[in-house]
Amino acid sequence: EVDDPRVWAADATQGDPVARLRFYGRH
């Protein structure tokens, strides 16, 4: 499960939803 970037903004602590999706995409 990951955050939808349309709903959850990037956060310095909880991370960037778009970067998170890219991370999983690379894997």
mmCIF file of all heavy atoms, coordinates in Angstrom:
data_MODEL
# 
_entry.id   MODEL 
# 
loop_
_atom_site.group_PDB 
_atom_site.id 
_atom_site.type_symbol 
_atom_site.label_atom_id 
_atom_site.label_alt_id 
_atom_site.label_comp_id 
_atom_site.label_asym_id 
_atom_site.label_entity_id 
_atom_site.label_seq_id 
_atom_site.pdbx_PDB_ins_code 
_atom_site.Cartn_x 
_atom_site.Cartn_y 
_atom_site.Cartn_z 
_atom_site.occupancy 
_atom_site.B_iso_or_equiv 
_atom_site.pdbx_formal_charge 
_atom_site.auth_seq_id 
_atom_site.auth_comp_id 
_atom_site.auth_asym_id 
_atom_site.auth_atom_id 
_atom_site.pdbx_PDB_model_num 
ATOM 1   N N   . GLU A 1 1  ? 0.856  -1.190 0.000   1.00 0.00 ? 1  GLU A N   1 
ATOM 2   C CA  . GLU A 1 1  ? 0.000  0.000  0.000   1.00 0.00 ? 1  GLU A CA  1 
ATOM 3   C C   . GLU A 1 1  ? 0.890  1.237  0.000   1.00 0.00 ? 1  GLU A C   1 
ATOM 4   O O   . GLU A 1 1  ? 1.860  1.303  0.756   1.00 0.00 ? 1  GLU A O   1 
ATOM 5   C CB  . GLU A 1 1  ? -0.873 0.036  1.254   1.00 0.00 ? 1  GLU A CB  1 
ATOM 6   C CG  . GLU A 1 1  ? -1.719 -1.201 1.489   1.00 0.00 ? 1  GLU A CG  1 
ATOM 7   C CD  . GLU A 1 1  ? -2.157 -1.301 2.938   1.00 0.00 ? 1  GLU A CD  1 
ATOM 8   O OE1 . GLU A 1 1  ? -1.270 -1.209 3.832   1.00 0.00 ? 1  GLU A OE1 1 
ATOM 9   O OE2 . GLU A 1 1  ? -3.355 -1.484 3.193   1.00 0.00 ? 1  GLU A OE2 1 
ATOM 10  N N   . VAL A 1 2  ? 0.538  2.227  -0.831  1.00 0.00 ? 2  VAL A N   1 
ATOM 11  C CA  . VAL A 1 2  ? 1.292  3.478  -0.851  1.00 0.00 ? 2  VAL A CA  1 
ATOM 12  C C   . VAL A 1 2  ? 0.323  4.651  -0.952  1.00 0.00 ? 2  VAL A C   1 
ATOM 13  O O   . VAL A 1 2  ? -0.827 4.495  -1.356  1.00 0.00 ? 2  VAL A O   1 
ATOM 14  C CB  . VAL A 1 2  ? 2.291  3.527  -2.028  1.00 0.00 ? 2  VAL A CB  1 
ATOM 15  C CG1 . VAL A 1 2  ? 3.374  2.483  -1.871  1.00 0.00 ? 2  VAL A CG1 1 
ATOM 16  C CG2 . VAL A 1 2  ? 1.578  3.363  -3.358  1.00 0.00 ? 2  VAL A CG2 1 
ATOM 17  N N   . ASP A 1 3  ? 0.812  5.820  -0.596  1.00 0.00 ? 3  ASP A N   1 
ATOM 18  C CA  . ASP A 1 3  ? -0.004 7.036  -0.682  1.00 0.00 ? 3  ASP A CA  1 
ATOM 19  C C   . ASP A 1 3  ? -0.248 7.432  -2.129  1.00 0.00 ? 3  ASP A C   1 
ATOM 20  O O   . ASP A 1 3  ? 0.649  7.352  -2.975  1.00 0.00 ? 3  ASP A O   1 
ATOM 21  C CB  . ASP A 1 3  ? 0.700  8.201  0.017   1.00 0.00 ? 3  ASP A CB  1 
ATOM 22  C CG  . ASP A 1 3  ? 0.707  8.070  1.528   1.00 0.00 ? 3  ASP A CG  1 
ATOM 23  O OD1 . ASP A 1 3  ? -0.021 7.213  2.061   1.00 0.00 ? 3  ASP A OD1 1 
ATOM 24  O OD2 . ASP A 1 3  ? 1.451  8.836  2.179   1.00 0.00 ? 3  ASP A OD2 1 
ATOM 25  N N   . ASP A 1 4  ? -1.449 7.899  -2.405  1.00 0.00 ? 4  ASP A N   1 
ATOM 26  C CA  . ASP A 1 4  ? -1.781 8.498  -3.693  1.00 0.00 ? 4  ASP A CA  1 
ATOM 27  C C   . ASP A 1 4  ? -1.294 9.949  -3.669  1.00 0.00 ? 4  ASP A C   1 
ATOM 28  O O   . ASP A 1 4  ? -1.727 10.739 -2.825  1.00 0.00 ? 4  ASP A O   1 
ATOM 29  C CB  . ASP A 1 4  ? -3.296 8.445  -3.910  1.00 0.00 ? 4  ASP A CB  1 
ATOM 30  C CG  . ASP A 1 4  ? -3.723 8.918  -5.294  1.00 0.00 ? 4  ASP A CG  1 
ATOM 31  O OD1 . ASP A 1 4  ? -3.016 9.742  -5.899  1.00 0.00 ? 4  ASP A OD1 1 
ATOM 32  O OD2 . ASP A 1 4  ? -4.791 8.478  -5.751  1.00 0.00 ? 4  ASP A OD2 1 
ATOM 33  N N   . PRO A 1 5  ? -0.382 10.333 -4.570  1.00 0.00 ? 5  PRO A N   1 
ATOM 34  C CA  . PRO A 1 5  ? 0.142  11.711 -4.550  1.00 0.00 ? 5  PRO A CA  1 
ATOM 35  C C   . PRO A 1 5  ? -0.921 12.776 -4.743  1.00 0.00 ? 5  PRO A C   1 
ATOM 36  O O   . PRO A 1 5  ? -0.691 13.942 -4.401  1.00 0.00 ? 5  PRO A O   1 
ATOM 37  C CB  . PRO A 1 5  ? 1.147  11.724 -5.702  1.00 0.00 ? 5  PRO A CB  1 
ATOM 38  C CG  . PRO A 1 5  ? 1.537  10.294 -5.896  1.00 0.00 ? 5  PRO A CG  1 
ATOM 39  C CD  . PRO A 1 5  ? 0.300  9.510  -5.594  1.00 0.00 ? 5  PRO A CD  1 
ATOM 40  N N   . ARG A 1 6  ? -2.074 12.412 -5.288  1.00 0.00 ? 6  ARG A N   1 
ATOM 41  C CA  . ARG A 1 6  ? -3.151 13.388 -5.453  1.00 0.00 ? 6  ARG A CA  1 
ATOM 42  C C   . ARG A 1 6  ? -3.808 13.736 -4.131  1.00 0.00 ? 6  ARG A C   1 
ATOM 43  O O   . ARG A 1 6  ? -4.484 14.761 -4.017  1.00 0.00 ? 6  ARG A O   1 
ATOM 44  C CB  . ARG A 1 6  ? -4.210 12.846 -6.427  1.00 0.00 ? 6  ARG A CB  1 
ATOM 45  C CG  . ARG A 1 6  ? -3.721 12.656 -7.848  1.00 0.00 ? 6  ARG A CG  1 
ATOM 46  C CD  . ARG A 1 6  ? -4.731 11.899 -8.683  1.00 0.00 ? 6  ARG A CD  1 
ATOM 47  N NE  . ARG A 1 6  ? -4.903 10.521 -8.216  1.00 0.00 ? 6  ARG A NE  1 
ATOM 48  C CZ  . ARG A 1 6  ? -5.710 9.627  -8.800  1.00 0.00 ? 6  ARG A CZ  1 
ATOM 49  N NH1 . ARG A 1 6  ? -6.414 9.981  -9.873  1.00 0.00 ? 6  ARG A NH1 1 
ATOM 50  N NH2 . ARG A 1 6  ? -5.800 8.394  -8.336  1.00 0.00 ? 6  ARG A NH2 1 
ATOM 51  N N   . VAL A 1 7  ? -3.612 12.895 -3.141  1.00 0.00 ? 7  VAL A N   1 
ATOM 52  C CA  . VAL A 1 7  ? -4.276 13.080 -1.839  1.00 0.00 ? 7  VAL A CA  1 
ATOM 53  C C   . VAL A 1 7  ? -3.281 13.491 -0.757  1.00 0.00 ? 7  VAL A C   1 
ATOM 54  O O   . VAL A 1 7  ? -3.583 14.330 0.089   1.00 0.00 ? 7  VAL A O   1 
ATOM 55  C CB  . VAL A 1 7  ? -5.009 11.786 -1.426  1.00 0.00 ? 7  VAL A CB  1 
ATOM 56  C CG1 . VAL A 1 7  ? -5.655 11.935 -0.046  1.00 0.00 ? 7  VAL A CG1 1 
ATOM 57  C CG2 . VAL A 1 7  ? -6.062 11.404 -2.470  1.00 0.00 ? 7  VAL A CG2 1 
ATOM 58  N N   . TRP A 1 8  ? -2.087 12.902 -0.790  1.00 0.00 ? 8  TRP A N   1 
ATOM 59  C CA  . TRP A 1 8  ? -1.102 13.129 0.264   1.00 0.00 ? 8  TRP A CA  1 
ATOM 60  C C   . TRP A 1 8  ? 0.103  13.880 -0.300  1.00 0.00 ? 8  TRP A C   1 
ATOM 61  O O   . TRP A 1 8  ? 0.749  13.416 -1.233  1.00 0.00 ? 8  TRP A O   1 
ATOM 62  C CB  . TRP A 1 8  ? -0.650 11.801 0.864   1.00 0.00 ? 8  TRP A CB  1 
ATOM 63  C CG  . TRP A 1 8  ? -1.788 10.980 1.379   1.00 0.00 ? 8  TRP A CG  1 
ATOM 64  C CD1 . TRP A 1 8  ? -2.375 9.908  0.769   1.00 0.00 ? 8  TRP A CD1 1 
ATOM 65  C CD2 . TRP A 1 8  ? -2.492 11.176 2.604   1.00 0.00 ? 8  TRP A CD2 1 
ATOM 66  N NE1 . TRP A 1 8  ? -3.392 9.415  1.539   1.00 0.00 ? 8  TRP A NE1 1 
ATOM 67  C CE2 . TRP A 1 8  ? -3.497 10.170 2.671   1.00 0.00 ? 8  TRP A CE2 1 
ATOM 68  C CE3 . TRP A 1 8  ? -2.376 12.098 3.654   1.00 0.00 ? 8  TRP A CE3 1 
ATOM 69  C CZ2 . TRP A 1 8  ? -4.375 10.077 3.749   1.00 0.00 ? 8  TRP A CZ2 1 
ATOM 70  C CZ3 . TRP A 1 8  ? -3.244 11.989 4.731   1.00 0.00 ? 8  TRP A CZ3 1 
ATOM 71  C CH2 . TRP A 1 8  ? -4.222 11.001 4.765   1.00 0.00 ? 8  TRP A CH2 1 
ATOM 72  N N   . ALA A 1 9  ? 0.394  15.028 0.268   1.00 0.00 ? 9  ALA A N   1 
ATOM 73  C CA  . ALA A 1 9  ? 1.522  15.845 -0.178  1.00 0.00 ? 9  ALA A CA  1 
ATOM 74  C C   . ALA A 1 9  ? 2.836  15.294 0.362   1.00 0.00 ? 9  ALA A C   1 
ATOM 75  O O   . ALA A 1 9  ? 2.865  14.551 1.345   1.00 0.00 ? 9  ALA A O   1 
ATOM 76  C CB  . ALA A 1 9  ? 1.330  17.288 0.288   1.00 0.00 ? 9  ALA A CB  1 
ATOM 77  N N   . ALA A 1 10 ? 3.922  15.669 -0.297  1.00 0.00 ? 10 ALA A N   1 
ATOM 78  C CA  . ALA A 1 10 ? 5.247  15.291 0.182   1.00 0.00 ? 10 ALA A CA  1 
ATOM 79  C C   . ALA A 1 10 ? 5.479  15.890 1.555   1.00 0.00 ? 10 ALA A C   1 
ATOM 80  O O   . ALA A 1 10 ? 5.052  17.011 1.853   1.00 0.00 ? 10 ALA A O   1 
ATOM 81  C CB  . ALA A 1 10 ? 6.318  15.776 -0.784  1.00 0.00 ? 10 ALA A CB  1 
ATOM 82  N N   . ASP A 1 11 ? 6.165  15.130 2.393   1.00 0.00 ? 11 ASP A N   1 
ATOM 83  C CA  . ASP A 1 11 ? 6.403  15.537 3.772   1.00 0.00 ? 11 ASP A CA  1 
ATOM 84  C C   . ASP A 1 11 ? 7.847  15.215 4.120   1.00 0.00 ? 11 ASP A C   1 
ATOM 85  O O   . ASP A 1 11 ? 8.369  14.165 3.747   1.00 0.00 ? 11 ASP A O   1 
ATOM 86  C CB  . ASP A 1 11 ? 5.438  14.781 4.710   1.00 0.00 ? 11 ASP A CB  1 
ATOM 87  C CG  . ASP A 1 11 ? 5.638  15.142 6.157   1.00 0.00 ? 11 ASP A CG  1 
ATOM 88  O OD1 . ASP A 1 11 ? 6.493  14.505 6.811   1.00 0.00 ? 11 ASP A OD1 1 
ATOM 89  O OD2 . ASP A 1 11 ? 4.949  16.056 6.650   1.00 0.00 ? 11 ASP A OD2 1 
ATOM 90  N N   . ALA A 1 12 ? 8.494  16.116 4.848   1.00 0.00 ? 12 ALA A N   1 
ATOM 91  C CA  . ALA A 1 12 ? 9.910  15.939 5.154   1.00 0.00 ? 12 ALA A CA  1 
ATOM 92  C C   . ALA A 1 12 ? 10.161 14.686 5.971   1.00 0.00 ? 12 ALA A C   1 
ATOM 93  O O   . ALA A 1 12 ? 11.226 14.057 5.869   1.00 0.00 ? 12 ALA A O   1 
ATOM 94  C CB  . ALA A 1 12 ? 10.438 17.164 5.907   1.00 0.00 ? 12 ALA A CB  1 
ATOM 95  N N   . THR A 1 13 ? 9.187  14.276 6.796   1.00 0.00 ? 13 THR A N   1 
ATOM 96  C CA  . THR A 1 13 ? 9.352  13.098 7.637   1.00 0.00 ? 13 THR A CA  1 
ATOM 97  C C   . THR A 1 13 ? 8.801  11.847 6.971   1.00 0.00 ? 13 THR A C   1 
ATOM 98  O O   . THR A 1 13 ? 9.457  10.808 6.918   1.00 0.00 ? 13 THR A O   1 
ATOM 99  C CB  . THR A 1 13 ? 8.662  13.311 9.000   1.00 0.00 ? 13 THR A CB  1 
ATOM 100 O OG1 . THR A 1 13 ? 9.232  14.441 9.646   1.00 0.00 ? 13 THR A OG1 1 
ATOM 101 C CG2 . THR A 1 13 ? 8.840  12.079 9.887   1.00 0.00 ? 13 THR A CG2 1 
ATOM 102 N N   . GLN A 1 14 ? 7.587  11.946 6.442   1.00 0.00 ? 14 GLN A N   1 
ATOM 103 C CA  . GLN A 1 14 ? 6.920  10.769 5.901   1.00 0.00 ? 14 GLN A CA  1 
ATOM 104 C C   . GLN A 1 14 ? 7.232  10.513 4.433   1.00 0.00 ? 14 GLN A C   1 
ATOM 105 O O   . GLN A 1 14 ? 6.834  9.496  3.889   1.00 0.00 ? 14 GLN A O   1 
ATOM 106 C CB  . GLN A 1 14 ? 5.410  10.884 6.129   1.00 0.00 ? 14 GLN A CB  1 
ATOM 107 C CG  . GLN A 1 14 ? 5.061  10.882 7.612   1.00 0.00 ? 14 GLN A CG  1 
ATOM 108 C CD  . GLN A 1 14 ? 3.578  11.055 7.876   1.00 0.00 ? 14 GLN A CD  1 
ATOM 109 O OE1 . GLN A 1 14 ? 2.823  11.454 6.985   1.00 0.00 ? 14 GLN A OE1 1 
ATOM 110 N NE2 . GLN A 1 14 ? 3.174  10.788 9.098   1.00 0.00 ? 14 GLN A NE2 1 
ATOM 111 N N   . GLY A 1 15 ? 7.951  11.403 3.805   1.00 0.00 ? 15 GLY A N   1 
ATOM 112 C CA  . GLY A 1 15 ? 8.446  11.150 2.461   1.00 0.00 ? 15 GLY A CA  1 
ATOM 113 C C   . GLY A 1 15 ? 7.594  11.734 1.359   1.00 0.00 ? 15 GLY A C   1 
ATOM 114 O O   . GLY A 1 15 ? 6.573  12.378 1.583   1.00 0.00 ? 15 GLY A O   1 
ATOM 115 N N   . ASP A 1 16 ? 8.025  11.487 0.142   1.00 0.00 ? 16 ASP A N   1 
ATOM 116 C CA  . ASP A 1 16 ? 7.402  12.009 -1.066  1.00 0.00 ? 16 ASP A CA  1 
ATOM 117 C C   . ASP A 1 16 ? 6.666  10.865 -1.766  1.00 0.00 ? 16 ASP A C   1 
ATOM 118 O O   . ASP A 1 16 ? 7.294  9.900  -2.212  1.00 0.00 ? 16 ASP A O   1 
ATOM 119 C CB  . ASP A 1 16 ? 8.490  12.578 -1.973  1.00 0.00 ? 16 ASP A CB  1 
ATOM 120 C CG  . ASP A 1 16 ? 7.942  13.168 -3.264  1.00 0.00 ? 16 ASP A CG  1 
ATOM 121 O OD1 . ASP A 1 16 ? 6.751  12.964 -3.576  1.00 0.00 ? 16 ASP A OD1 1 
ATOM 122 O OD2 . ASP A 1 16 ? 8.721  13.829 -3.975  1.00 0.00 ? 16 ASP A OD2 1 
ATOM 123 N N   . PRO A 1 17 ? 5.326  10.932 -1.882  1.00 0.00 ? 17 PRO A N   1 
ATOM 124 C CA  . PRO A 1 17 ? 4.590  9.838  -2.520  1.00 0.00 ? 17 PRO A CA  1 
ATOM 125 C C   . PRO A 1 17 ? 5.027  9.541  -3.947  1.00 0.00 ? 17 PRO A C   1 
ATOM 126 O O   . PRO A 1 17 ? 5.023  8.381  -4.367  1.00 0.00 ? 17 PRO A O   1 
ATOM 127 C CB  . PRO A 1 17 ? 3.139  10.327 -2.472  1.00 0.00 ? 17 PRO A CB  1 
ATOM 128 C CG  . PRO A 1 17 ? 3.085  11.250 -1.307  1.00 0.00 ? 17 PRO A CG  1 
ATOM 129 C CD  . PRO A 1 17 ? 4.421  11.939 -1.298  1.00 0.00 ? 17 PRO A CD  1 
ATOM 130 N N   . VAL A 1 18 ? 5.406  10.561 -4.712  1.00 0.00 ? 18 VAL A N   1 
ATOM 131 C CA  . VAL A 1 18 ? 5.860  10.322 -6.084  1.00 0.00 ? 18 VAL A CA  1 
ATOM 132 C C   . VAL A 1 18 ? 7.200  9.585  -6.083  1.00 0.00 ? 18 VAL A C   1 
ATOM 133 O O   . VAL A 1 18 ? 7.401  8.621  -6.836  1.00 0.00 ? 18 VAL A O   1 
ATOM 134 C CB  . VAL A 1 18 ? 5.957  11.644 -6.866  1.00 0.00 ? 18 VAL A CB  1 
ATOM 135 C CG1 . VAL A 1 18 ? 6.559  11.402 -8.252  1.00 0.00 ? 18 VAL A CG1 1 
ATOM 136 C CG2 . VAL A 1 18 ? 4.581  12.292 -6.997  1.00 0.00 ? 18 VAL A CG2 1 
ATOM 137 N N   . ALA A 1 19 ? 8.121  10.004 -5.228  1.00 0.00 ? 19 ALA A N   1 
ATOM 138 C CA  . ALA A 1 19 ? 9.413  9.313  -5.128  1.00 0.00 ? 19 ALA A CA  1 
ATOM 139 C C   . ALA A 1 19 ? 9.218  7.875  -4.664  1.00 0.00 ? 19 ALA A C   1 
ATOM 140 O O   . ALA A 1 19 ? 9.924  6.960  -5.118  1.00 0.00 ? 19 ALA A O   1 
ATOM 141 C CB  . ALA A 1 19 ? 10.328 10.057 -4.169  1.00 0.00 ? 19 ALA A CB  1 
ATOM 142 N N   . ARG A 1 20 ? 8.255  7.670  -3.780  1.00 0.00 ? 20 ARG A N   1 
ATOM 143 C CA  . ARG A 1 20 ? 7.970  6.325  -3.287  1.00 0.00 ? 20 ARG A CA  1 
ATOM 144 C C   . ARG A 1 20 ? 7.502  5.423  -4.437  1.00 0.00 ? 20 ARG A C   1 
ATOM 145 O O   . ARG A 1 20 ? 7.950  4.281  -4.579  1.00 0.00 ? 20 ARG A O   1 
ATOM 146 C CB  . ARG A 1 20 ? 6.910  6.399  -2.198  1.00 0.00 ? 20 ARG A CB  1 
ATOM 147 C CG  . ARG A 1 20 ? 6.571  5.076  -1.538  1.00 0.00 ? 20 ARG A CG  1 
ATOM 148 C CD  . ARG A 1 20 ? 5.616  5.281  -0.370  1.00 0.00 ? 20 ARG A CD  1 
ATOM 149 N NE  . ARG A 1 20 ? 6.218  6.114  0.649   1.00 0.00 ? 20 ARG A NE  1 
ATOM 150 C CZ  . ARG A 1 20 ? 5.718  7.280  1.066   1.00 0.00 ? 20 ARG A CZ  1 
ATOM 151 N NH1 . ARG A 1 20 ? 4.609  7.751  0.532   1.00 0.00 ? 20 ARG A NH1 1 
ATOM 152 N NH2 . ARG A 1 20 ? 6.332  7.959  2.008   1.00 0.00 ? 20 ARG A NH2 1 
ATOM 153 N N   . LEU A 1 21 ? 6.618  5.951  -5.276  1.00 0.00 ? 21 LEU A N   1 
ATOM 154 C CA  . LEU A 1 21 ? 6.148  5.178  -6.417  1.00 0.00 ? 21 LEU A CA  1 
ATOM 155 C C   . LEU A 1 21 ? 7.294  4.860  -7.376  1.00 0.00 ? 21 LEU A C   1 
ATOM 156 O O   . LEU A 1 21 ? 7.391  3.746  -7.902  1.00 0.00 ? 21 LEU A O   1 
ATOM 157 C CB  . LEU A 1 21 ? 5.037  5.940  -7.142  1.00 0.00 ? 21 LEU A CB  1 
ATOM 158 C CG  . LEU A 1 21 ? 3.659  5.891  -6.464  1.00 0.00 ? 21 LEU A CG  1 
ATOM 159 C CD1 . LEU A 1 21 ? 2.771  7.022  -6.972  1.00 0.00 ? 21 LEU A CD1 1 
ATOM 160 C CD2 . LEU A 1 21 ? 2.994  4.547  -6.715  1.00 0.00 ? 21 LEU A CD2 1 
ATOM 161 N N   . ARG A 1 22 ? 8.172  5.825  -7.601  1.00 0.00 ? 22 ARG A N   1 
ATOM 162 C CA  . ARG A 1 22 ? 9.323  5.584  -8.472  1.00 0.00 ? 22 ARG A CA  1 
ATOM 163 C C   . ARG A 1 22 ? 10.226 4.489  -7.890  1.00 0.00 ? 22 ARG A C   1 
ATOM 164 O O   . ARG A 1 22 ? 10.757 3.642  -8.623  1.00 0.00 ? 22 ARG A O   1 
ATOM 165 C CB  . ARG A 1 22 ? 10.116 6.866  -8.666  1.00 0.00 ? 22 ARG A CB  1 
ATOM 166 C CG  . ARG A 1 22 ? 9.400  7.911  -9.530  1.00 0.00 ? 22 ARG A CG  1 
ATOM 167 C CD  . ARG A 1 22 ? 10.180 9.204  -9.555  1.00 0.00 ? 22 ARG A CD  1 
ATOM 168 N NE  . ARG A 1 22 ? 9.507  10.224 -10.341 1.00 0.00 ? 22 ARG A NE  1 
ATOM 169 C CZ  . ARG A 1 22 ? 9.654  11.526 -10.160 1.00 0.00 ? 22 ARG A CZ  1 
ATOM 170 N NH1 . ARG A 1 22 ? 10.483 11.977 -9.207  1.00 0.00 ? 22 ARG A NH1 1 
ATOM 171 N NH2 . ARG A 1 22 ? 9.003  12.392 -10.909 1.00 0.00 ? 22 ARG A NH2 1 
ATOM 172 N N   . PHE A 1 23 ? 10.412 4.527  -6.588  1.00 0.00 ? 23 PHE A N   1 
ATOM 173 C CA  . PHE A 1 23 ? 11.229 3.510  -5.920  1.00 0.00 ? 23 PHE A CA  1 
ATOM 174 C C   . PHE A 1 23 ? 10.673 2.118  -6.199  1.00 0.00 ? 23 PHE A C   1 
ATOM 175 O O   . PHE A 1 23 ? 11.391 1.207  -6.629  1.00 0.00 ? 23 PHE A O   1 
ATOM 176 C CB  . PHE A 1 23 ? 11.270 3.783  -4.419  1.00 0.00 ? 23 PHE A CB  1 
ATOM 177 C CG  . PHE A 1 23 ? 11.848 2.671  -3.601  1.00 0.00 ? 23 PHE A CG  1 
ATOM 178 C CD1 . PHE A 1 23 ? 13.219 2.503  -3.496  1.00 0.00 ? 23 PHE A CD1 1 
ATOM 179 C CD2 . PHE A 1 23 ? 11.015 1.779  -2.932  1.00 0.00 ? 23 PHE A CD2 1 
ATOM 180 C CE1 . PHE A 1 23 ? 13.760 1.467  -2.737  1.00 0.00 ? 23 PHE A CE1 1 
ATOM 181 C CE2 . PHE A 1 23 ? 11.546 0.744  -2.173  1.00 0.00 ? 23 PHE A CE2 1 
ATOM 182 C CZ  . PHE A 1 23 ? 12.914 0.583  -2.079  1.00 0.00 ? 23 PHE A CZ  1 
ATOM 183 N N   . TYR A 1 24 ? 9.377  1.948  -5.973  1.00 0.00 ? 24 TYR A N   1 
ATOM 184 C CA  . TYR A 1 24 ? 8.787  0.627  -6.201  1.00 0.00 ? 24 TYR A CA  1 
ATOM 185 C C   . TYR A 1 24 ? 8.774  0.270  -7.683  1.00 0.00 ? 24 TYR A C   1 
ATOM 186 O O   . TYR A 1 24 ? 8.927  -0.903 -8.038  1.00 0.00 ? 24 TYR A O   1 
ATOM 187 C CB  . TYR A 1 24 ? 7.390  0.561  -5.580  1.00 0.00 ? 24 TYR A CB  1 
ATOM 188 C CG  . TYR A 1 24 ? 7.462  0.444  -4.076  1.00 0.00 ? 24 TYR A CG  1 
ATOM 189 C CD1 . TYR A 1 24 ? 7.141  1.519  -3.260  1.00 0.00 ? 24 TYR A CD1 1 
ATOM 190 C CD2 . TYR A 1 24 ? 7.895  -0.725 -3.480  1.00 0.00 ? 24 TYR A CD2 1 
ATOM 191 C CE1 . TYR A 1 24 ? 7.247  1.430  -1.878  1.00 0.00 ? 24 TYR A CE1 1 
ATOM 192 C CE2 . TYR A 1 24 ? 8.008  -0.837 -2.106  1.00 0.00 ? 24 TYR A CE2 1 
ATOM 193 C CZ  . TYR A 1 24 ? 7.681  0.245  -1.308  1.00 0.00 ? 24 TYR A CZ  1 
ATOM 194 O OH  . TYR A 1 24 ? 7.804  0.144  0.046   1.00 0.00 ? 24 TYR A OH  1 
ATOM 195 N N   . GLY A 1 25 ? 8.593  1.264  -8.539  1.00 0.00 ? 25 GLY A N   1 
ATOM 196 C CA  . GLY A 1 25 ? 8.652  1.009  -9.958  1.00 0.00 ? 25 GLY A CA  1 
ATOM 197 C C   . GLY A 1 25 ? 10.002 0.470  -10.379 1.00 0.00 ? 25 GLY A C   1 
ATOM 198 O O   . GLY A 1 25 ? 10.103 -0.414 -11.240 1.00 0.00 ? 25 GLY A O   1 
ATOM 199 N N   . ARG A 1 26 ? 11.072 0.994  -9.782  1.00 0.00 ? 26 ARG A N   1 
ATOM 200 C CA  . ARG A 1 26 ? 12.411 0.501  -10.102 1.00 0.00 ? 26 ARG A CA  1 
ATOM 201 C C   . ARG A 1 26 ? 12.592 -0.952 -9.681  1.00 0.00 ? 26 ARG A C   1 
ATOM 202 O O   . ARG A 1 26 ? 13.487 -1.641 -10.179 1.00 0.00 ? 26 ARG A O   1 
ATOM 203 C CB  . ARG A 1 26 ? 13.481 1.365  -9.421  1.00 0.00 ? 26 ARG A CB  1 
ATOM 204 C CG  . ARG A 1 26 ? 13.619 2.751  -10.008 1.00 0.00 ? 26 ARG A CG  1 
ATOM 205 C CD  . ARG A 1 26 ? 14.913 3.413  -9.560  1.00 0.00 ? 26 ARG A CD  1 
ATOM 206 N NE  . ARG A 1 26 ? 14.997 3.616  -8.130  1.00 0.00 ? 26 ARG A NE  1 
ATOM 207 C CZ  . ARG A 1 26 ? 14.521 4.677  -7.480  1.00 0.00 ? 26 ARG A CZ  1 
ATOM 208 N NH1 . ARG A 1 26 ? 13.878 5.626  -8.145  1.00 0.00 ? 26 ARG A NH1 1 
ATOM 209 N NH2 . ARG A 1 26 ? 14.666 4.799  -6.169  1.00 0.00 ? 26 ARG A NH2 1 
ATOM 210 N N   . HIS A 1 27 ? 11.759 -1.397 -8.769  1.00 0.00 ? 27 HIS A N   1 
ATOM 211 C CA  . HIS A 1 27 ? 11.850 -2.775 -8.297  1.00 0.00 ? 27 HIS A CA  1 
ATOM 212 C C   . HIS A 1 27 ? 10.721 -3.640 -8.838  1.00 0.00 ? 27 HIS A C   1 
ATOM 213 O O   . HIS A 1 27 ? 10.367 -4.659 -8.240  1.00 0.00 ? 27 HIS A O   1 
ATOM 214 C CB  . HIS A 1 27 ? 11.895 -2.781 -6.769  1.00 0.00 ? 27 HIS A CB  1 
ATOM 215 C CG  . HIS A 1 27 ? 13.150 -2.179 -6.221  1.00 0.00 ? 27 HIS A CG  1 
ATOM 216 N ND1 . HIS A 1 27 ? 14.348 -2.864 -6.184  1.00 0.00 ? 27 HIS A ND1 1 
ATOM 217 C CD2 . HIS A 1 27 ? 13.418 -0.936 -5.752  1.00 0.00 ? 27 HIS A CD2 1 
ATOM 218 C CE1 . HIS A 1 27 ? 15.291 -2.071 -5.699  1.00 0.00 ? 27 HIS A CE1 1 
ATOM 219 N NE2 . HIS A 1 27 ? 14.758 -0.904 -5.429  1.00 0.00 ? 27 HIS A NE2 1 
# 
